[in-house]
Amino acid sequence: IRNIPVFRAFAEDFQRYCPDAFIANYTNPMAALTATLQQC
């Protein structure tokens, strides 16, 4: 719950500044945070 808002902000920045970049996530809880990226 404390990392998901950060990853949502990351996702917004990826869309704006590097929309074609490949994103590799190692941060735990990895599945929940990867799901956040892929939804946002």
PDB file of all heavy atoms in Angstrom:
ATOM      1  N   ILE A   1       0.817  -1.216   0.000  1.00  0.00           N
ATOM      2  CA  ILE A   1       0.000   0.000   0.000  1.00  0.00           C
ATOM      3  C   ILE A   1       0.852   1.269   0.000  1.00  0.00           C
ATOM      4  O   ILE A   1       0.394   2.323  -0.450  1.00  0.00           O
ATOM      5  CB  ILE A   1      -1.022   0.016   1.161  1.00  0.00           C
ATOM      6  CG1 ILE A   1      -0.336   0.104   2.524  1.00  0.00           C
ATOM      7  CG2 ILE A   1      -1.938  -1.191   1.077  1.00  0.00           C
ATOM      8  CD1 ILE A   1      -1.312   0.324   3.687  1.00  0.00           C
ATOM      9  N   ARG A   2       2.102   1.194   0.491  1.00  0.00           N
ATOM     10  CA  ARG A   2       2.929   2.405   0.434  1.00  0.00           C
ATOM     11  C   ARG A   2       3.720   2.508  -0.873  1.00  0.00           C
ATOM     12  O   ARG A   2       4.173   3.594  -1.240  1.00  0.00           O
ATOM     13  CB  ARG A   2       3.872   2.491   1.637  1.00  0.00           C
ATOM     14  CG  ARG A   2       4.975   1.478   1.701  1.00  0.00           C
ATOM     15  CD  ARG A   2       5.934   1.789   2.856  1.00  0.00           C
ATOM     16  NE  ARG A   2       6.916   0.733   3.043  1.00  0.00           N
ATOM     17  CZ  ARG A   2       6.732  -0.346   3.794  1.00  0.00           C
ATOM     18  NH1 ARG A   2       5.612  -0.500   4.457  1.00  0.00           N
ATOM     19  NH2 ARG A   2       7.675  -1.260   3.892  1.00  0.00           N
ATOM     20  N   ASN A   3       3.898   1.379  -1.581  1.00  0.00           N
ATOM     21  CA  ASN A   3       4.647   1.411  -2.834  1.00  0.00           C
ATOM     22  C   ASN A   3       3.773   1.628  -4.063  1.00  0.00           C
ATOM     23  O   ASN A   3       4.240   2.167  -5.068  1.00  0.00           O
ATOM     24  CB  ASN A   3       5.448   0.111  -3.009  1.00  0.00           C
ATOM     25  CG  ASN A   3       6.798   0.159  -2.318  1.00  0.00           C
ATOM     26  OD1 ASN A   3       7.735   0.787  -2.793  1.00  0.00           O
ATOM     27  ND2 ASN A   3       6.903  -0.518  -1.178  1.00  0.00           N
ATOM     28  N   ILE A   4       2.517   1.181  -4.013  1.00  0.00           N
ATOM     29  CA  ILE A   4       1.655   1.290  -5.189  1.00  0.00           C
ATOM     30  C   ILE A   4       1.486   2.742  -5.640  1.00  0.00           C
ATOM     31  O   ILE A   4       1.583   3.033  -6.843  1.00  0.00           O
ATOM     32  CB  ILE A   4       0.296   0.606  -4.927  1.00  0.00           C
ATOM     33  CG1 ILE A   4       0.491  -0.913  -4.877  1.00  0.00           C
ATOM     34  CG2 ILE A   4      -0.718   0.969  -6.019  1.00  0.00           C
ATOM     35  CD1 ILE A   4      -0.727  -1.687  -4.384  1.00  0.00           C
ATOM     36  N   PRO A   5       1.245   3.721  -4.742  1.00  0.00           N
ATOM     37  CA  PRO A   5       1.158   5.100  -5.221  1.00  0.00           C
ATOM     38  C   PRO A   5       2.437   5.577  -5.914  1.00  0.00           C
ATOM     39  O   PRO A   5       2.379   6.344  -6.883  1.00  0.00           O
ATOM     40  CB  PRO A   5       0.890   5.895  -3.938  1.00  0.00           C
ATOM     41  CG  PRO A   5       0.263   4.919  -3.002  1.00  0.00           C
ATOM     42  CD  PRO A   5       0.942   3.621  -3.297  1.00  0.00           C
ATOM     43  N   VAL A   6       3.585   5.134  -5.421  1.00  0.00           N
ATOM     44  CA  VAL A   6       4.851   5.509  -6.049  1.00  0.00           C
ATOM     45  C   VAL A   6       4.930   4.921  -7.453  1.00  0.00           C
ATOM     46  O   VAL A   6       5.329   5.591  -8.413  1.00  0.00           O
ATOM     47  CB  VAL A   6       6.039   5.034  -5.190  1.00  0.00           C
ATOM     48  CG1 VAL A   6       7.361   5.322  -5.879  1.00  0.00           C
ATOM     49  CG2 VAL A   6       5.998   5.692  -3.817  1.00  0.00           C
ATOM     50  N   PHE A   7       4.531   3.671  -7.597  1.00  0.00           N
ATOM     51  CA  PHE A   7       4.596   3.022  -8.909  1.00  0.00           C
ATOM     52  C   PHE A   7       3.566   3.610  -9.872  1.00  0.00           C
ATOM     53  O   PHE A   7       3.809   3.656 -11.079  1.00  0.00           O
ATOM     54  CB  PHE A   7       4.421   1.503  -8.759  1.00  0.00           C
ATOM     55  CG  PHE A   7       5.717   0.784  -8.532  1.00  0.00           C
ATOM     56  CD1 PHE A   7       6.463   1.003  -7.380  1.00  0.00           C
ATOM     57  CD2 PHE A   7       6.219  -0.097  -9.478  1.00  0.00           C
ATOM     58  CE1 PHE A   7       7.666   0.358  -7.168  1.00  0.00           C
ATOM     59  CE2 PHE A   7       7.417  -0.743  -9.283  1.00  0.00           C
ATOM     60  CZ  PHE A   7       8.154  -0.516  -8.127  1.00  0.00           C
ATOM     61  N   ARG A   8       2.437   4.052  -9.351  1.00  0.00           N
ATOM     62  CA  ARG A   8       1.485   4.738 -10.231  1.00  0.00           C
ATOM     63  C   ARG A   8       2.106   6.030 -10.765  1.00  0.00           C
ATOM     64  O   ARG A   8       1.967   6.341 -11.953  1.00  0.00           O
ATOM     65  CB  ARG A   8       0.197   5.051  -9.467  1.00  0.00           C
ATOM     66  CG  ARG A   8      -0.798   5.876 -10.292  1.00  0.00           C
ATOM     67  CD  ARG A   8      -2.167   5.921  -9.642  1.00  0.00           C
ATOM     68  NE  ARG A   8      -2.111   6.293  -8.230  1.00  0.00           N
ATOM     69  CZ  ARG A   8      -3.148   6.235  -7.406  1.00  0.00           C
ATOM     70  NH1 ARG A   8      -4.324   5.803  -7.845  1.00  0.00           N
ATOM     71  NH2 ARG A   8      -3.027   6.600  -6.148  1.00  0.00           N
ATOM     72  N   ALA A   9       2.821   6.756  -9.915  1.00  0.00           N
ATOM     73  CA  ALA A   9       3.510   7.969 -10.367  1.00  0.00           C
ATOM     74  C   ALA A   9       4.615   7.633 -11.367  1.00  0.00           C
ATOM     75  O   ALA A   9       4.809   8.355 -12.357  1.00  0.00           O
ATOM     76  CB  ALA A   9       4.087   8.724  -9.168  1.00  0.00           C
ATOM     77  N   PHE A  10       5.350   6.540 -11.111  1.00  0.00           N
ATOM     78  CA  PHE A  10       6.346   6.098 -12.085  1.00  0.00           C
ATOM     79  C   PHE A  10       5.688   5.859 -13.445  1.00  0.00           C
ATOM     80  O   PHE A  10       6.200   6.288 -14.488  1.00  0.00           O
ATOM     81  CB  PHE A  10       6.996   4.780 -11.628  1.00  0.00           C
ATOM     82  CG  PHE A  10       7.995   4.909 -10.517  1.00  0.00           C
ATOM     83  CD1 PHE A  10       8.516   3.772  -9.926  1.00  0.00           C
ATOM     84  CD2 PHE A  10       8.426   6.142 -10.054  1.00  0.00           C
ATOM     85  CE1 PHE A  10       9.454   3.849  -8.900  1.00  0.00           C
ATOM     86  CE2 PHE A  10       9.359   6.237  -9.023  1.00  0.00           C
ATOM     87  CZ  PHE A  10       9.871   5.091  -8.451  1.00  0.00           C
ATOM     88  N   ALA A  11       4.568   5.137 -13.436  1.00  0.00           N
ATOM     89  CA  ALA A  11       3.890   4.790 -14.686  1.00  0.00           C
ATOM     90  C   ALA A  11       3.486   6.038 -15.462  1.00  0.00           C
ATOM     91  O   ALA A  11       3.620   6.099 -16.692  1.00  0.00           O
ATOM     92  CB  ALA A  11       2.664   3.924 -14.392  1.00  0.00           C
ATOM     93  N   GLU A  12       2.996   7.040 -14.755  1.00  0.00           N
ATOM     94  CA  GLU A  12       2.629   8.296 -15.421  1.00  0.00           C
ATOM     95  C   GLU A  12       3.851   8.949 -16.063  1.00  0.00           C
ATOM     96  O   GLU A  12       3.773   9.474 -17.184  1.00  0.00           O
ATOM     97  CB  GLU A  12       1.983   9.243 -14.412  1.00  0.00           C
ATOM     98  CG  GLU A  12       0.626   8.751 -13.912  1.00  0.00           C
ATOM     99  CD  GLU A  12       0.112   9.540 -12.720  1.00  0.00           C
ATOM    100  OE1 GLU A  12       0.864  10.421 -12.212  1.00  0.00           O
ATOM    101  OE2 GLU A  12      -1.023   9.282 -12.268  1.00  0.00           O
ATOM    102  N   ASP A  13       4.987   8.896 -15.377  1.00  0.00           N
ATOM    103  CA  ASP A  13       6.221   9.464 -15.935  1.00  0.00           C
ATOM    104  C   ASP A  13       6.714   8.657 -17.133  1.00  0.00           C
ATOM    105  O   ASP A  13       7.215   9.225 -18.104  1.00  0.00           O
ATOM    106  CB  ASP A  13       7.309   9.524 -14.866  1.00  0.00           C
ATOM    107  CG  ASP A  13       7.053  10.601 -13.826  1.00  0.00           C
ATOM    108  OD1 ASP A  13       6.185  11.461 -14.053  1.00  0.00           O
ATOM    109  OD2 ASP A  13       7.711  10.573 -12.767  1.00  0.00           O
ATOM    110  N   PHE A  14       6.586   7.344 -17.064  1.00  0.00           N
ATOM    111  CA  PHE A  14       7.011   6.524 -18.204  1.00  0.00           C
ATOM    112  C   PHE A  14       6.201   6.879 -19.441  1.00  0.00           C
ATOM    113  O   PHE A  14       6.758   6.997 -20.547  1.00  0.00           O
ATOM    114  CB  PHE A  14       6.834   5.030 -17.896  1.00  0.00           C
ATOM    115  CG  PHE A  14       7.644   4.521 -16.733  1.00  0.00           C
ATOM    116  CD1 PHE A  14       7.228   3.402 -16.019  1.00  0.00           C
ATOM    117  CD2 PHE A  14       8.818   5.143 -16.340  1.00  0.00           C
ATOM    118  CE1 PHE A  14       7.958   2.919 -14.955  1.00  0.00           C
ATOM    119  CE2 PHE A  14       9.564   4.675 -15.262  1.00  0.00           C
ATOM    120  CZ  PHE A  14       9.121   3.556 -14.566  1.00  0.00           C
ATOM    121  N   GLN A  15       4.905   7.031 -19.271  1.00  0.00           N
ATOM    122  CA  GLN A  15       4.050   7.379 -20.402  1.00  0.00           C
ATOM    123  C   GLN A  15       4.426   8.732 -21.004  1.00  0.00           C
ATOM    124  O   GLN A  15       4.373   8.915 -22.217  1.00  0.00           O
ATOM    125  CB  GLN A  15       2.583   7.405 -19.955  1.00  0.00           C
ATOM    126  CG  GLN A  15       1.972   6.047 -19.754  1.00  0.00           C
ATOM    127  CD  GLN A  15       1.588   5.384 -21.064  1.00  0.00           C
ATOM    128  OE1 GLN A  15       0.438   5.470 -21.504  1.00  0.00           O
ATOM    129  NE2 GLN A  15       2.530   4.728 -21.700  1.00  0.00           N
ATOM    130  N   ARG A  16       4.845   9.638 -20.153  1.00  0.00           N
ATOM    131  CA  ARG A  16       5.146  10.994 -20.625  1.00  0.00           C
ATOM    132  C   ARG A  16       6.556  11.124 -21.192  1.00  0.00           C
ATOM    133  O   ARG A  16       6.750  11.770 -22.229  1.00  0.00           O
ATOM    134  CB  ARG A  16       4.966  11.983 -19.469  1.00  0.00           C
ATOM    135  CG  ARG A  16       5.207  13.434 -19.873  1.00  0.00           C
ATOM    136  CD  ARG A  16       4.874  14.383 -18.741  1.00  0.00           C
ATOM    137  NE  ARG A  16       5.086  15.774 -19.137  1.00  0.00           N
ATOM    138  CZ  ARG A  16       4.887  16.818 -18.344  1.00  0.00           C
ATOM    139  NH1 ARG A  16       4.441  16.623 -17.100  1.00  0.00           N
ATOM    140  NH2 ARG A  16       5.113  18.047 -18.766  1.00  0.00           N
ATOM    141  N   TYR A  17       7.543  10.518 -20.534  1.00  0.00           N
ATOM    142  CA  TYR A  17       8.940  10.803 -20.881  1.00  0.00           C
ATOM    143  C   TYR A  17       9.644   9.687 -21.662  1.00  0.00           C
ATOM    144  O   TYR A  17      10.627   9.956 -22.356  1.00  0.00           O
ATOM    145  CB  TYR A  17       9.744  11.087 -19.603  1.00  0.00           C
ATOM    146  CG  TYR A  17       9.257  12.290 -18.853  1.00  0.00           C
ATOM    147  CD1 TYR A  17       8.600  12.146 -17.629  1.00  0.00           C
ATOM    148  CD2 TYR A  17       9.426  13.579 -19.362  1.00  0.00           C
ATOM    149  CE1 TYR A  17       8.140  13.250 -16.929  1.00  0.00           C
ATOM    150  CE2 TYR A  17       8.964  14.689 -18.667  1.00  0.00           C
ATOM    151  CZ  TYR A  17       8.320  14.520 -17.457  1.00  0.00           C
ATOM    152  OH  TYR A  17       7.852  15.622 -16.765  1.00  0.00           O
ATOM    153  N   CYS A  18       9.151   8.455 -21.556  1.00  0.00           N
ATOM    154  CA  CYS A  18       9.809   7.345 -22.288  1.00  0.00           C
ATOM    155  C   CYS A  18       8.777   6.268 -22.596  1.00  0.00           C
ATOM    156  O   CYS A  18       8.882   5.135 -22.104  1.00  0.00           O
ATOM    157  CB  CYS A  18      10.982   6.782 -21.483  1.00  0.00           C
ATOM    158  SG  CYS A  18      10.579   6.278 -19.775  1.00  0.00           S
ATOM    159  N   PRO A  19       7.763   6.581 -23.397  1.00  0.00           N
ATOM    160  CA  PRO A  19       6.630   5.675 -23.604  1.00  0.00           C
ATOM    161  C   PRO A  19       6.987   4.359 -24.285  1.00  0.00           C
ATOM    162  O   PRO A  19       6.181   3.413 -24.249  1.00  0.00           O
ATOM    163  CB  PRO A  19       5.669   6.499 -24.467  1.00  0.00           C
ATOM    164  CG  PRO A  19       6.528   7.528 -25.136  1.00  0.00           C
ATOM    165  CD  PRO A  19       7.600   7.848 -24.148  1.00  0.00           C
ATOM    166  N   ASP A  20       8.158   4.288 -24.913  1.00  0.00           N
ATOM    167  CA  ASP A  20       8.551   3.049 -25.584  1.00  0.00           C
ATOM    168  C   ASP A  20       9.588   2.258 -24.794  1.00  0.00           C
ATOM    169  O   ASP A  20      10.056   1.210 -25.258  1.00  0.00           O
ATOM    170  CB  ASP A  20       9.117   3.360 -26.979  1.00  0.00           C
ATOM    171  CG  ASP A  20       8.084   4.024 -27.880  1.00  0.00           C
ATOM    172  OD1 ASP A  20       6.912   3.606 -27.838  1.00  0.00           O
ATOM    173  OD2 ASP A  20       8.448   4.971 -28.605  1.00  0.00           O
ATOM    174  N   ALA A  21       9.963   2.733 -23.623  1.00  0.00           N
ATOM    175  CA  ALA A  21      11.017   2.074 -22.846  1.00  0.00           C
ATOM    176  C   ALA A  21      10.531   0.747 -22.272  1.00  0.00           C
ATOM    177  O   ALA A  21       9.359   0.596 -21.898  1.00  0.00           O
ATOM    178  CB  ALA A  21      11.490   2.982 -21.715  1.00  0.00           C
ATOM    179  N   PHE A  22      11.446  -0.196 -22.167  1.00  0.00           N
ATOM    180  CA  PHE A  22      11.179  -1.481 -21.523  1.00  0.00           C
ATOM    181  C   PHE A  22      11.381  -1.314 -20.021  1.00  0.00           C
ATOM    182  O   PHE A  22      12.406  -0.770 -19.583  1.00  0.00           O
ATOM    183  CB  PHE A  22      12.148  -2.545 -22.062  1.00  0.00           C
ATOM    184  CG  PHE A  22      11.882  -3.931 -21.550  1.00  0.00           C
ATOM    185  CD1 PHE A  22      11.027  -4.781 -22.232  1.00  0.00           C
ATOM    186  CD2 PHE A  22      12.493  -4.396 -20.390  1.00  0.00           C
ATOM    187  CE1 PHE A  22      10.776  -6.067 -21.766  1.00  0.00           C
ATOM    188  CE2 PHE A  22      12.259  -5.676 -19.914  1.00  0.00           C
ATOM    189  CZ  PHE A  22      11.394  -6.522 -20.609  1.00  0.00           C
ATOM    190  N   ILE A  23      10.420  -1.790 -19.229  1.00  0.00           N
ATOM    191  CA  ILE A  23      10.473  -1.623 -17.777  1.00  0.00           C
ATOM    192  C   ILE A  23      10.677  -2.976 -17.110  1.00  0.00           C
ATOM    193  O   ILE A  23       9.882  -3.904 -17.313  1.00  0.00           O
ATOM    194  CB  ILE A  23       9.179  -0.985 -17.228  1.00  0.00           C
ATOM    195  CG1 ILE A  23       8.739   0.221 -18.078  1.00  0.00           C
ATOM    196  CG2 ILE A  23       9.362  -0.616 -15.762  1.00  0.00           C
ATOM    197  CD1 ILE A  23       9.715   1.350 -18.125  1.00  0.00           C
ATOM    198  N   ALA A  24      11.730  -3.096 -16.313  1.00  0.00           N
ATOM    199  CA  ALA A  24      12.007  -4.321 -15.550  1.00  0.00           C
ATOM    200  C   ALA A  24      11.924  -3.987 -14.067  1.00  0.00           C
ATOM    201  O   ALA A  24      12.695  -3.164 -13.567  1.00  0.00           O
ATOM    202  CB  ALA A  24      13.391  -4.868 -15.900  1.00  0.00           C
ATOM    203  N   ASN A  25      10.993  -4.639 -13.377  1.00  0.00           N
ATOM    204  CA  ASN A  25      10.785  -4.350 -11.957  1.00  0.00           C
ATOM    205  C   ASN A  25      11.330  -5.462 -11.080  1.00  0.00           C
ATOM    206  O   ASN A  25      10.968  -6.630 -11.225  1.00  0.00           O
ATOM    207  CB  ASN A  25       9.298  -4.166 -11.657  1.00  0.00           C
ATOM    208  CG  ASN A  25       9.053  -3.994 -10.164  1.00  0.00           C
ATOM    209  OD1 ASN A  25       9.798  -3.278  -9.487  1.00  0.00           O
ATOM    210  ND2 ASN A  25       8.044  -4.663  -9.636  1.00  0.00           N
ATOM    211  N   TYR A  26      12.178  -5.083 -10.095  1.00  0.00           N
ATOM    212  CA  TYR A  26      12.695  -6.023  -9.101  1.00  0.00           C
ATOM    213  C   TYR A  26      12.149  -5.737  -7.704  1.00  0.00           C
ATOM    214  O   TYR A  26      12.464  -6.460  -6.757  1.00  0.00           O
ATOM    215  CB  TYR A  26      14.226  -5.939  -9.041  1.00  0.00           C
ATOM    216  CG  TYR A  26      14.936  -6.652 -10.167  1.00  0.00           C
ATOM    217  CD1 TYR A  26      15.344  -5.972 -11.306  1.00  0.00           C
ATOM    218  CD2 TYR A  26      15.210  -8.008 -10.089  1.00  0.00           C
ATOM    219  CE1 TYR A  26      16.009  -6.619 -12.339  1.00  0.00           C
ATOM    220  CE2 TYR A  26      15.872  -8.676 -11.111  1.00  0.00           C
ATOM    221  CZ  TYR A  26      16.264  -7.975 -12.233  1.00  0.00           C
ATOM    222  OH  TYR A  26      16.918  -8.634 -13.253  1.00  0.00           O
ATOM    223  N   THR A  27      11.363  -4.680  -7.543  1.00  0.00           N
ATOM    224  CA  THR A  27      10.916  -4.266  -6.214  1.00  0.00           C
ATOM    225  C   THR A  27       9.768  -5.139  -5.719  1.00  0.00           C
ATOM    226  O   THR A  27       8.817  -5.415  -6.460  1.00  0.00           O
ATOM    227  CB  THR A  27      10.472  -2.791  -6.244  1.00  0.00           C
ATOM    228  OG1 THR A  27      11.574  -1.976  -6.618  1.00  0.00           O
ATOM    229  CG2 THR A  27       9.959  -2.346  -4.885  1.00  0.00           C
ATOM    230  N   ASN A  28       9.829  -5.544  -4.457  1.00  0.00           N
ATOM    231  CA  ASN A  28       8.752  -6.310  -3.828  1.00  0.00           C
ATOM    232  C   ASN A  28       7.789  -5.397  -3.084  1.00  0.00           C
ATOM    233  O   ASN A  28       8.198  -4.343  -2.591  1.00  0.00           O
ATOM    234  CB  ASN A  28       9.341  -7.331  -2.843  1.00  0.00           C
ATOM    235  CG  ASN A  28       9.988  -8.494  -3.552  1.00  0.00           C
ATOM    236  OD1 ASN A  28       9.470  -8.967  -4.555  1.00  0.00           O
ATOM    237  ND2 ASN A  28      11.123  -8.954  -3.043  1.00  0.00           N
ATOM    238  N   PRO A  29       6.501  -5.801  -2.984  1.00  0.00           N
ATOM    239  CA  PRO A  29       5.928  -7.026  -3.519  1.00  0.00           C
ATOM    240  C   PRO A  29       5.838  -6.951  -5.048  1.00  0.00           C
ATOM    241  O   PRO A  29       5.037  -6.173  -5.588  1.00  0.00           O
ATOM    242  CB  PRO A  29       4.546  -7.108  -2.885  1.00  0.00           C
ATOM    243  CG  PRO A  29       4.205  -5.679  -2.553  1.00  0.00           C
ATOM    244  CD  PRO A  29       5.513  -5.003  -2.243  1.00  0.00           C
ATOM    245  N   MET A  30       6.664  -7.761  -5.691  1.00  0.00           N
ATOM    246  CA  MET A  30       6.910  -7.599  -7.112  1.00  0.00           C
ATOM    247  C   MET A  30       5.654  -7.759  -7.964  1.00  0.00           C
ATOM    248  O   MET A  30       5.429  -7.001  -8.902  1.00  0.00           O
ATOM    249  CB  MET A  30       8.006  -8.574  -7.551  1.00  0.00           C
ATOM    250  CG  MET A  30       8.480  -8.355  -8.965  1.00  0.00           C
ATOM    251  SD  MET A  30       7.573  -9.381 -10.087  1.00  0.00           S
ATOM    252  CE  MET A  30       8.264 -10.955  -9.658  1.00  0.00           C
ATOM    253  N   ALA A  31       4.822  -8.744  -7.660  1.00  0.00           N
ATOM    254  CA  ALA A  31       3.638  -8.968  -8.472  1.00  0.00           C
ATOM    255  C   ALA A  31       2.662  -7.794  -8.371  1.00  0.00           C
ATOM    256  O   ALA A  31       2.153  -7.299  -9.385  1.00  0.00           O
ATOM    257  CB  ALA A  31       2.957 -10.266  -8.059  1.00  0.00           C
ATOM    258  N   ALA A  32       2.390  -7.323  -7.156  1.00  0.00           N
ATOM    259  CA  ALA A  32       1.454  -6.207  -6.982  1.00  0.00           C
ATOM    260  C   ALA A  32       1.960  -4.947  -7.666  1.00  0.00           C
ATOM    261  O   ALA A  32       1.192  -4.199  -8.297  1.00  0.00           O
ATOM    262  CB  ALA A  32       1.220  -5.943  -5.500  1.00  0.00           C
ATOM    263  N   LEU A  33       3.255  -4.693  -7.584  1.00  0.00           N
ATOM    264  CA  LEU A  33       3.805  -3.468  -8.162  1.00  0.00           C
ATOM    265  C   LEU A  33       3.933  -3.576  -9.677  1.00  0.00           C
ATOM    266  O   LEU A  33       3.749  -2.587 -10.398  1.00  0.00           O
ATOM    267  CB  LEU A  33       5.152  -3.150  -7.517  1.00  0.00           C
ATOM    268  CG  LEU A  33       5.077  -2.960  -5.999  1.00  0.00           C
ATOM    269  CD1 LEU A  33       6.443  -2.638  -5.417  1.00  0.00           C
ATOM    270  CD2 LEU A  33       4.070  -1.868  -5.638  1.00  0.00           C
ATOM    271  N   THR A  34       4.223  -4.766 -10.171  1.00  0.00           N
ATOM    272  CA  THR A  34       4.239  -4.967 -11.617  1.00  0.00           C
ATOM    273  C   THR A  34       2.826  -4.830 -12.179  1.00  0.00           C
ATOM    274  O   THR A  34       2.625  -4.239 -13.254  1.00  0.00           O
ATOM    275  CB  THR A  34       4.831  -6.347 -11.959  1.00  0.00           C
ATOM    276  OG1 THR A  34       6.171  -6.417 -11.456  1.00  0.00           O
ATOM    277  CG2 THR A  34       4.862  -6.578 -13.456  1.00  0.00           C
ATOM    278  N   ALA A  35       1.833  -5.348 -11.462  1.00  0.00           N
ATOM    279  CA  ALA A  35       0.443  -5.182 -11.886  1.00  0.00           C
ATOM    280  C   ALA A  35       0.077  -3.698 -11.949  1.00  0.00           C
ATOM    281  O   ALA A  35      -0.630  -3.258 -12.867  1.00  0.00           O
ATOM    282  CB  ALA A  35      -0.491  -5.913 -10.932  1.00  0.00           C
ATOM    283  N   THR A  36       0.564  -2.918 -10.989  1.00  0.00           N
ATOM    284  CA  THR A  36       0.302  -1.472 -10.997  1.00  0.00           C
ATOM    285  C   THR A  36       0.847  -0.831 -12.261  1.00  0.00           C
ATOM    286  O   THR A  36       0.154  -0.051 -12.932  1.00  0.00           O
ATOM    287  CB  THR A  36       0.936  -0.820  -9.754  1.00  0.00           C
ATOM    288  OG1 THR A  36       0.390  -1.430  -8.572  1.00  0.00           O
ATOM    289  CG2 THR A  36       0.676   0.677  -9.727  1.00  0.00           C
ATOM    290  N   LEU A  37       2.083  -1.154 -12.604  1.00  0.00           N
ATOM    291  CA  LEU A  37       2.676  -0.613 -13.832  1.00  0.00           C
ATOM    292  C   LEU A  37       1.859  -1.008 -15.055  1.00  0.00           C
ATOM    293  O   LEU A  37       1.564  -0.177 -15.925  1.00  0.00           O
ATOM    294  CB  LEU A  37       4.110  -1.122 -13.998  1.00  0.00           C
ATOM    295  CG  LEU A  37       5.151  -0.654 -12.991  1.00  0.00           C
ATOM    296  CD1 LEU A  37       6.482  -1.361 -13.255  1.00  0.00           C
ATOM    297  CD2 LEU A  37       5.342   0.863 -13.057  1.00  0.00           C
ATOM    298  N   GLN A  38       1.496  -2.277 -15.135  1.00  0.00           N
ATOM    299  CA  GLN A  38       0.827  -2.771 -16.332  1.00  0.00           C
ATOM    300  C   GLN A  38      -0.596  -2.249 -16.464  1.00  0.00           C
ATOM    301  O   GLN A  38      -1.133  -2.195 -17.567  1.00  0.00           O
ATOM    302  CB  GLN A  38       0.878  -4.304 -16.345  1.00  0.00           C
ATOM    303  CG  GLN A  38       2.312  -4.809 -16.544  1.00  0.00           C
ATOM    304  CD  GLN A  38       2.469  -6.295 -16.374  1.00  0.00           C
ATOM    305  OE1 GLN A  38       1.522  -7.017 -16.068  1.00  0.00           O
ATOM    306  NE2 GLN A  38       3.690  -6.777 -16.548  1.00  0.00           N
ATOM    307  N   GLN A  39      -1.196  -1.837 -15.344  1.00  0.00           N
ATOM    308  CA  GLN A  39      -2.520  -1.210 -15.417  1.00  0.00           C
ATOM    309  C   GLN A  39      -2.443   0.284 -15.707  1.00  0.00           C
ATOM    310  O   GLN A  39      -3.404   0.861 -16.208  1.00  0.00           O
ATOM    311  CB  GLN A  39      -3.266  -1.432 -14.099  1.00  0.00           C
ATOM    312  CG  GLN A  39      -3.696  -2.865 -13.858  1.00  0.00           C
ATOM    313  CD  GLN A  39      -4.534  -3.017 -12.609  1.00  0.00           C
ATOM    314  OE1 GLN A  39      -5.464  -2.251 -12.370  1.00  0.00           O
ATOM    315  NE2 GLN A  39      -4.208  -4.004 -11.798  1.00  0.00           N
ATOM    316  N   CYS A  40      -1.314   0.916 -15.376  1.00  0.00           N
ATOM    317  CA  CYS A  40      -1.251   2.376 -15.415  1.00  0.00           C
ATOM    318  C   CYS A  40      -0.401   2.944 -16.548  1.00  0.00           C
ATOM    319  O   CYS A  40      -0.349   4.167 -16.708  1.00  0.00           O
ATOM    320  CB  CYS A  40      -0.724   2.906 -14.076  1.00  0.00           C
ATOM    321  SG  CYS A  40      -1.809   2.547 -12.675  1.00  0.00           S
TER     322      CYS A  40
END
